[in-house]
Amino acid sequence: MSQGRKIEIFGAGCPVCEKARALVERLACPSCTVEVLDMHDPSVAERAKEYGIRSVPAVVVDGRLAQCCAGRGPDEATLRAAGIGVPPGD
């Protein structure tokens, strides 16, 4: 018999995170294990960094960051392109 999927939800308790949690729990199969992790806990935040999580909510399935959660969050190039670091009028 195969083991179920391990699903980790990284969140901060905000309404958007709670909505993502509810969606995952609704979609999860009976053999899935769902774990909700609070990003306010420094050890959870460190673990999230190891997965490459840059914003929440984020979902990890069997040790892999779900594609929908990858590549989000601010990065230096995008922020600079938006004008951060450049005085107005320059």
Protein backbone atom coordinates (compact mmCIF):
# COMPACT_ATOMS: atom_id res chain seq x y z
CA MET A 1 0.00 0.00 0.00
CA SER A 2 1.40 3.40 -0.98
CA GLN A 3 1.81 6.15 1.53
CA GLY A 4 -0.29 9.32 1.14
CA ARG A 5 0.99 12.71 0.15
CA LYS A 6 2.52 15.07 2.68
CA ILE A 7 1.19 18.59 2.21
CA GLU A 8 2.67 21.55 4.07
CA ILE A 9 0.92 24.92 4.07
CA PHE A 10 3.12 27.87 5.02
CA GLY A 11 1.10 30.86 6.17
CA ALA A 12 0.88 33.75 8.57
CA GLY A 13 -2.71 33.46 9.76
CA CYS A 14 -4.04 36.13 7.40
CA PRO A 15 -7.39 35.74 5.62
CA VAL A 16 -5.69 34.80 2.33
CA CYS A 17 -3.64 32.11 4.11
CA GLU A 18 -6.76 30.77 5.80
CA LYS A 19 -8.55 30.59 2.45
CA ALA A 20 -5.61 28.63 0.97
CA ARG A 21 -5.67 26.28 3.97
CA ALA A 22 -9.38 25.64 3.52
CA LEU A 23 -8.89 24.96 -0.21
CA VAL A 24 -6.07 22.48 0.39
CA GLU A 25 -8.01 20.71 3.13
CA ARG A 26 -11.05 20.47 0.84
CA LEU A 27 -8.98 19.03 -2.02
CA ALA A 28 -6.82 16.69 0.06
CA CYS A 29 -7.46 12.98 -0.27
CA PRO A 30 -8.16 10.79 2.79
CA SER A 31 -4.58 9.48 2.74
CA CYS A 32 -3.05 12.98 2.58
CA THR A 33 -1.39 14.49 5.62
CA VAL A 34 -1.91 18.25 5.82
CA GLU A 35 0.30 20.31 8.10
CA VAL A 36 -0.25 24.05 8.63
CA LEU A 37 2.95 25.91 9.49
CA ASP A 38 3.07 29.38 11.04
CA MET A 39 5.66 31.68 9.48
CA HIS A 40 5.82 33.65 12.74
CA ASP A 41 7.86 30.73 14.14
CA PRO A 42 11.55 31.34 13.26
CA SER A 43 12.20 27.63 12.63
CA VAL A 44 9.27 27.50 10.18
CA ALA A 45 10.54 30.64 8.43
CA GLU A 46 13.97 29.03 8.09
CA ARG A 47 12.41 25.87 6.67
CA ALA A 48 10.41 27.98 4.20
CA LYS A 49 13.62 29.63 3.05
CA GLU A 50 15.08 26.18 2.29
CA TYR A 51 12.11 25.49 -0.02
CA GLY A 52 12.59 28.85 -1.74
CA ILE A 53 9.33 30.28 -0.41
CA ARG A 54 9.24 34.04 -0.89
CA SER A 55 5.61 34.81 -0.07
CA VAL A 56 2.67 33.25 1.72
CA PRO A 57 0.51 31.37 1.48
CA ALA A 58 2.70 28.69 -0.04
CA VAL A 59 2.06 24.98 -0.44
CA VAL A 60 4.67 22.23 -0.49
CA VAL A 61 3.64 18.78 -1.73
CA ASP A 62 5.92 15.84 -0.97
CA GLY A 63 8.87 18.16 -0.38
CA ARG A 64 8.42 20.25 -3.54
CA LEU A 65 7.09 23.80 -3.69
CA ALA A 66 3.90 23.77 -5.76
CA GLN A 67 4.38 25.54 -9.08
CA CYS A 68 1.63 28.03 -8.24
CA CYS A 69 3.71 29.23 -5.30
CA ALA A 70 7.11 29.53 -6.99
CA GLY A 71 8.71 32.73 -8.19
CA ARG A 72 6.51 35.11 -6.27
CA GLY A 73 7.56 37.85 -3.98
CA PRO A 74 9.68 40.93 -4.49
CA ASP A 75 13.13 40.77 -5.97
CA GLU A 76 15.70 43.52 -6.40
CA ALA A 77 15.41 43.82 -10.19
CA THR A 78 11.62 44.19 -10.09
CA LEU A 79 11.76 46.71 -7.26
CA ARG A 80 14.40 48.77 -9.05
CA ALA A 81 12.33 48.67 -12.26
CA ALA A 82 9.42 50.05 -10.23
CA GLY A 83 11.58 53.01 -9.24
CA ILE A 84 12.79 52.06 -5.78
CA GLY A 85 16.21 53.54 -5.17
CA VAL A 86 15.80 56.22 -7.83
CA PRO A 87 14.64 59.68 -6.75
CA PRO A 88 11.53 60.95 -8.59
CA GLY A 89 12.37 62.93 -11.69
CA ASP A 90 15.66 61.12 -12.39
